C-alpha cells in the first residue's frame, strides 16, 4: 500500500514530506507500493518539482523501475512535464558521466 510519504508526495505537501523524512526514523524514502511505485514517482506523475528536488537531495533512488517498467521519467513524460523531464535527463546524463 501507499505510505504517508507516498500520499504527501503525490499531493504536493512539501512540509509534510520534509517532516516525515527528517523526523520519522522508520520512514523509508525508497519504499514502494505493491506495483513498485516510489514517492518520487508519485511526485513526478503530479509534476511536483519541489518534492522531486527534496527527495532527490535526501538521497532517494529516483530511477527505480515499477512493475510496469516505468521510472519517474516515464511518469513525468506521460503528464507532459517538460521541466521535470529535463531535470531527470540532466541528472541521468550526469550519473552516466560520473558526475
N, C-alpha and C. Protein backbone atom coordinates (compact mmCIF):
# COMPACT_ATOMS: atom_id res chain seq x y z
N UNK A 1 0.80 -1.19 0.00
CA UNK A 1 0.00 0.00 0.00
C UNK A 1 0.84 1.26 0.00
N UNK A 2 0.18 2.35 -0.07
CA UNK A 2 0.86 3.64 -0.06
C UNK A 2 1.11 4.10 1.38
N UNK A 3 2.27 4.69 1.57
CA UNK A 3 2.64 5.21 2.88
C UNK A 3 2.25 6.69 2.96
N UNK A 4 2.32 7.27 4.16
CA UNK A 4 2.08 8.72 4.26
C UNK A 4 3.02 9.52 3.35
N UNK A 5 4.25 9.04 3.18
CA UNK A 5 5.18 9.73 2.29
C UNK A 5 4.70 9.70 0.84
N UNK A 6 4.15 8.57 0.41
CA UNK A 6 3.59 8.48 -0.94
C UNK A 6 2.47 9.50 -1.12
N UNK A 7 1.55 9.54 -0.16
CA UNK A 7 0.41 10.45 -0.27
C UNK A 7 0.84 11.91 -0.25
N UNK A 8 1.75 12.26 0.65
CA UNK A 8 2.22 13.65 0.73
C UNK A 8 2.95 14.05 -0.54
N UNK A 9 3.74 13.15 -1.10
CA UNK A 9 4.47 13.44 -2.34
C UNK A 9 3.51 13.59 -3.51
N UNK A 10 2.54 12.72 -3.59
CA UNK A 10 1.55 12.76 -4.68
C UNK A 10 0.74 14.05 -4.65
N UNK A 11 0.45 14.52 -3.44
CA UNK A 11 -0.43 15.68 -3.29
C UNK A 11 0.32 17.01 -3.14
N UNK A 12 1.66 16.96 -3.23
CA UNK A 12 2.43 18.20 -3.24
C UNK A 12 2.65 18.87 -1.90
N UNK A 13 2.57 18.11 -0.82
CA UNK A 13 2.71 18.67 0.52
C UNK A 13 4.17 18.61 0.99
N UNK A 14 4.95 19.59 0.55
CA UNK A 14 6.39 19.59 0.83
C UNK A 14 6.70 19.59 2.32
N UNK A 15 6.00 20.39 3.10
CA UNK A 15 6.30 20.45 4.53
C UNK A 15 6.05 19.10 5.21
N UNK A 16 5.03 18.39 4.77
CA UNK A 16 4.76 17.06 5.33
C UNK A 16 5.87 16.10 4.90
N UNK A 17 6.27 16.15 3.65
CA UNK A 17 7.36 15.30 3.16
C UNK A 17 8.63 15.57 3.96
N UNK A 18 8.97 16.84 4.14
CA UNK A 18 10.16 17.20 4.92
C UNK A 18 10.07 16.65 6.34
N UNK A 19 8.92 16.81 6.95
CA UNK A 19 8.74 16.33 8.32
C UNK A 19 8.93 14.82 8.39
N UNK A 20 8.28 14.10 7.50
CA UNK A 20 8.37 12.64 7.51
C UNK A 20 9.81 12.16 7.32
N UNK A 21 10.50 12.74 6.36
CA UNK A 21 11.88 12.32 6.06
C UNK A 21 12.83 12.72 7.17
N UNK A 22 12.66 13.89 7.74
CA UNK A 22 13.59 14.41 8.74
C UNK A 22 13.33 13.94 10.16
N UNK A 23 12.09 13.64 10.50
CA UNK A 23 11.74 13.38 11.90
C UNK A 23 11.23 11.98 12.20
N UNK A 24 10.99 11.19 11.21
CA UNK A 24 10.43 9.85 11.43
C UNK A 24 11.47 8.81 11.04
N UNK A 25 12.11 8.22 12.05
CA UNK A 25 13.20 7.29 11.81
C UNK A 25 12.78 6.06 11.00
N UNK A 26 11.51 5.69 11.08
CA UNK A 26 11.06 4.48 10.40
C UNK A 26 10.59 4.73 8.96
N UNK A 27 10.74 5.95 8.46
CA UNK A 27 10.32 6.25 7.09
C UNK A 27 11.42 5.82 6.12
N UNK A 28 11.06 4.96 5.19
CA UNK A 28 11.97 4.52 4.14
C UNK A 28 11.64 5.32 2.89
N UNK A 29 12.53 6.25 2.51
CA UNK A 29 12.21 7.11 1.36
C UNK A 29 12.18 6.32 0.06
N UNK A 30 12.74 5.13 0.05
CA UNK A 30 12.72 4.29 -1.15
C UNK A 30 11.63 3.23 -1.11
N UNK A 31 10.72 3.32 -0.14
CA UNK A 31 9.62 2.35 -0.05
C UNK A 31 8.76 2.43 -1.31
N UNK A 32 8.25 1.28 -1.71
CA UNK A 32 7.41 1.23 -2.91
C UNK A 32 6.01 0.71 -2.57
N UNK A 33 5.08 1.04 -3.46
CA UNK A 33 3.74 0.48 -3.36
C UNK A 33 3.78 -0.95 -3.88
N UNK A 34 2.64 -1.63 -3.90
CA UNK A 34 2.61 -3.01 -4.39
C UNK A 34 3.11 -3.14 -5.82
N UNK A 35 2.92 -2.10 -6.63
CA UNK A 35 3.38 -2.17 -8.02
C UNK A 35 4.78 -1.58 -8.20
N UNK A 36 5.46 -1.26 -7.10
CA UNK A 36 6.83 -0.79 -7.17
C UNK A 36 6.99 0.71 -7.38
N UNK A 37 5.93 1.48 -7.18
CA UNK A 37 5.99 2.93 -7.38
C UNK A 37 6.49 3.62 -6.11
N UNK A 38 7.46 4.51 -6.27
CA UNK A 38 8.03 5.24 -5.14
C UNK A 38 7.32 6.58 -4.96
N UNK A 39 7.61 7.22 -3.85
CA UNK A 39 7.09 8.58 -3.60
C UNK A 39 7.61 9.54 -4.66
N UNK A 40 8.84 9.34 -5.11
CA UNK A 40 9.41 10.19 -6.15
C UNK A 40 8.62 10.05 -7.45
N UNK A 41 8.23 8.82 -7.79
CA UNK A 41 7.41 8.61 -8.99
C UNK A 41 6.07 9.32 -8.86
N UNK A 42 5.46 9.25 -7.68
CA UNK A 42 4.19 9.95 -7.49
C UNK A 42 4.37 11.45 -7.66
N UNK A 43 5.45 11.99 -7.11
CA UNK A 43 5.71 13.43 -7.25
C UNK A 43 5.92 13.80 -8.72
N UNK A 44 6.64 12.95 -9.45
CA UNK A 44 6.88 13.25 -10.86
C UNK A 44 5.61 13.11 -11.68
N UNK A 45 4.75 12.15 -11.33
CA UNK A 45 3.47 11.98 -12.02
C UNK A 45 2.61 13.23 -11.89
N UNK A 46 2.66 13.86 -10.72
CA UNK A 46 1.89 15.07 -10.48
C UNK A 46 2.68 16.34 -10.78
N UNK A 47 3.91 16.18 -11.26
CA UNK A 47 4.78 17.32 -11.63
C UNK A 47 5.07 18.24 -10.45
N UNK A 48 5.27 17.67 -9.27
CA UNK A 48 5.62 18.45 -8.08
C UNK A 48 7.15 18.55 -8.00
N UNK A 49 7.69 19.51 -8.73
CA UNK A 49 9.14 19.65 -8.84
C UNK A 49 9.80 19.90 -7.49
N UNK A 50 9.14 20.64 -6.61
CA UNK A 50 9.71 20.94 -5.29
C UNK A 50 9.85 19.65 -4.47
N UNK A 51 8.92 18.75 -4.59
CA UNK A 51 9.00 17.46 -3.88
C UNK A 51 10.10 16.61 -4.51
N UNK A 52 10.15 16.59 -5.83
CA UNK A 52 11.18 15.81 -6.53
C UNK A 52 12.57 16.26 -6.11
N UNK A 53 12.79 17.57 -6.07
CA UNK A 53 14.11 18.10 -5.67
C UNK A 53 14.45 17.69 -4.24
N UNK A 54 13.49 17.83 -3.35
CA UNK A 54 13.76 17.49 -1.95
C UNK A 54 14.10 16.01 -1.80
N UNK A 55 13.30 15.14 -2.40
CA UNK A 55 13.55 13.70 -2.28
C UNK A 55 14.88 13.31 -2.92
N UNK A 56 15.18 13.89 -4.06
CA UNK A 56 16.47 13.64 -4.71
C UNK A 56 17.61 14.03 -3.78
N UNK A 57 17.53 15.23 -3.21
CA UNK A 57 18.58 15.71 -2.32
C UNK A 57 18.67 14.91 -1.03
N UNK A 58 17.56 14.28 -0.64
CA UNK A 58 17.55 13.44 0.56
C UNK A 58 18.15 12.06 0.30
N UNK A 59 18.51 11.79 -0.95
CA UNK A 59 19.17 10.53 -1.27
C UNK A 59 18.28 9.45 -1.86
N UNK A 60 17.10 9.83 -2.28
CA UNK A 60 16.19 8.84 -2.85
C UNK A 60 16.73 8.29 -4.16
N UNK A 61 16.54 7.00 -4.37
CA UNK A 61 16.87 6.37 -5.65
C UNK A 61 15.76 6.72 -6.62
N UNK A 62 16.00 7.70 -7.48
CA UNK A 62 14.92 8.19 -8.33
C UNK A 62 14.84 7.49 -9.68
N UNK A 63 15.60 6.41 -9.88
CA UNK A 63 15.48 5.64 -11.12
C UNK A 63 14.96 4.24 -10.86
N UNK A 64 14.20 4.08 -9.80
CA UNK A 64 13.55 2.81 -9.52
C UNK A 64 12.53 2.52 -10.62
N UNK A 65 12.47 1.27 -11.04
CA UNK A 65 11.52 0.85 -12.08
C UNK A 65 10.38 0.10 -11.41
N UNK A 66 9.14 0.48 -11.74
CA UNK A 66 7.99 -0.20 -11.13
C UNK A 66 7.62 -1.45 -11.92
N UNK A 67 6.56 -2.13 -11.51
CA UNK A 67 6.15 -3.39 -12.13
C UNK A 67 5.77 -3.24 -13.59
N UNK A 68 5.42 -2.04 -14.00
CA UNK A 68 5.06 -1.78 -15.40
C UNK A 68 6.26 -1.36 -16.24
N UNK A 69 7.45 -1.35 -15.62
CA UNK A 69 8.66 -0.94 -16.32
C UNK A 69 8.83 0.56 -16.41
N UNK A 70 8.09 1.31 -15.59
CA UNK A 70 8.13 2.77 -15.63
C UNK A 70 9.03 3.34 -14.54
N UNK A 71 9.72 4.41 -14.90
CA UNK A 71 10.51 5.19 -13.95
C UNK A 71 9.82 6.54 -13.75
N UNK A 72 10.40 7.36 -12.91
CA UNK A 72 9.87 8.71 -12.72
C UNK A 72 9.89 9.49 -14.03
N UNK A 73 10.88 9.23 -14.87
CA UNK A 73 10.95 9.90 -16.17
C UNK A 73 9.73 9.55 -17.02
N UNK A 74 9.34 8.28 -17.02
CA UNK A 74 8.13 7.87 -17.75
C UNK A 74 6.91 8.63 -17.24
N UNK A 75 6.79 8.71 -15.91
CA UNK A 75 5.63 9.37 -15.31
C UNK A 75 5.58 10.85 -15.68
N UNK A 76 6.73 11.52 -15.62
CA UNK A 76 6.77 12.94 -15.97
C UNK A 76 6.44 13.13 -17.45
N UNK A 77 6.94 12.24 -18.30
CA UNK A 77 6.65 12.34 -19.74
C UNK A 77 5.18 12.10 -20.03
N UNK A 78 4.58 11.13 -19.33
CA UNK A 78 3.15 10.86 -19.52
C UNK A 78 2.30 12.08 -19.22
N UNK A 79 2.74 12.87 -18.25
CA UNK A 79 1.98 14.07 -17.87
C UNK A 79 2.39 15.30 -18.67
N UNK A 80 3.41 15.15 -19.50
CA UNK A 80 3.83 16.27 -20.33
C UNK A 80 4.63 17.33 -19.61
N UNK A 81 5.29 16.97 -18.52
CA UNK A 81 6.08 17.94 -17.76
C UNK A 81 7.49 18.03 -18.34
N UNK A 82 7.68 18.97 -19.24
CA UNK A 82 8.98 19.15 -19.88
C UNK A 82 10.04 19.51 -18.85
N UNK A 83 9.71 20.35 -17.89
CA UNK A 83 10.67 20.77 -16.87
C UNK A 83 11.14 19.58 -16.05
N UNK A 84 10.21 18.73 -15.62
CA UNK A 84 10.58 17.54 -14.85
C UNK A 84 11.42 16.59 -15.69
N UNK A 85 11.03 16.38 -16.93
CA UNK A 85 11.78 15.50 -17.83
C UNK A 85 13.20 16.02 -18.03
N UNK A 86 13.34 17.31 -18.28
CA UNK A 86 14.67 17.89 -18.47
C UNK A 86 15.54 17.69 -17.24
N UNK A 87 14.98 17.94 -16.06
CA UNK A 87 15.75 17.76 -14.83
C UNK A 87 16.20 16.33 -14.64
N UNK A 88 15.32 15.39 -14.91
CA UNK A 88 15.67 13.97 -14.77
C UNK A 88 16.71 13.55 -15.80
N UNK A 89 16.58 14.01 -17.02
CA UNK A 89 17.55 13.67 -18.06
C UNK A 89 18.93 14.26 -17.76
N UNK A 90 18.95 15.50 -17.28
CA UNK A 90 20.23 16.11 -16.92
C UNK A 90 20.90 15.32 -15.80
N UNK A 91 20.12 14.93 -14.82
CA UNK A 91 20.66 14.15 -13.70
C UNK A 91 21.17 12.79 -14.18
N UNK A 92 20.43 12.13 -15.06
CA UNK A 92 20.84 10.84 -15.60
C UNK A 92 22.13 10.97 -16.39
N UNK A 93 22.23 12.00 -17.23
CA UNK A 93 23.45 12.22 -18.00
C UNK A 93 24.64 12.45 -17.09
N UNK A 94 24.43 13.18 -16.01
CA UNK A 94 25.50 13.41 -15.04
C UNK A 94 25.94 12.13 -14.37
N UNK A 95 25.00 11.23 -14.10
CA UNK A 95 25.34 9.95 -13.48
C UNK A 95 26.14 9.09 -14.46
N UNK A 96 25.75 9.10 -15.72
CA UNK A 96 26.45 8.31 -16.73
C UNK A 96 27.88 8.80 -16.90
N UNK A 97 28.05 10.11 -16.85
CA UNK A 97 29.38 10.71 -17.00
C UNK A 97 30.20 10.64 -15.72
N UNK A 98 29.59 10.17 -14.64
CA UNK A 98 30.30 10.06 -13.38
C UNK A 98 30.24 11.29 -12.52
N UNK A 99 29.24 12.16 -12.78
CA UNK A 99 29.15 13.42 -12.02
C UNK A 99 28.01 13.50 -11.15
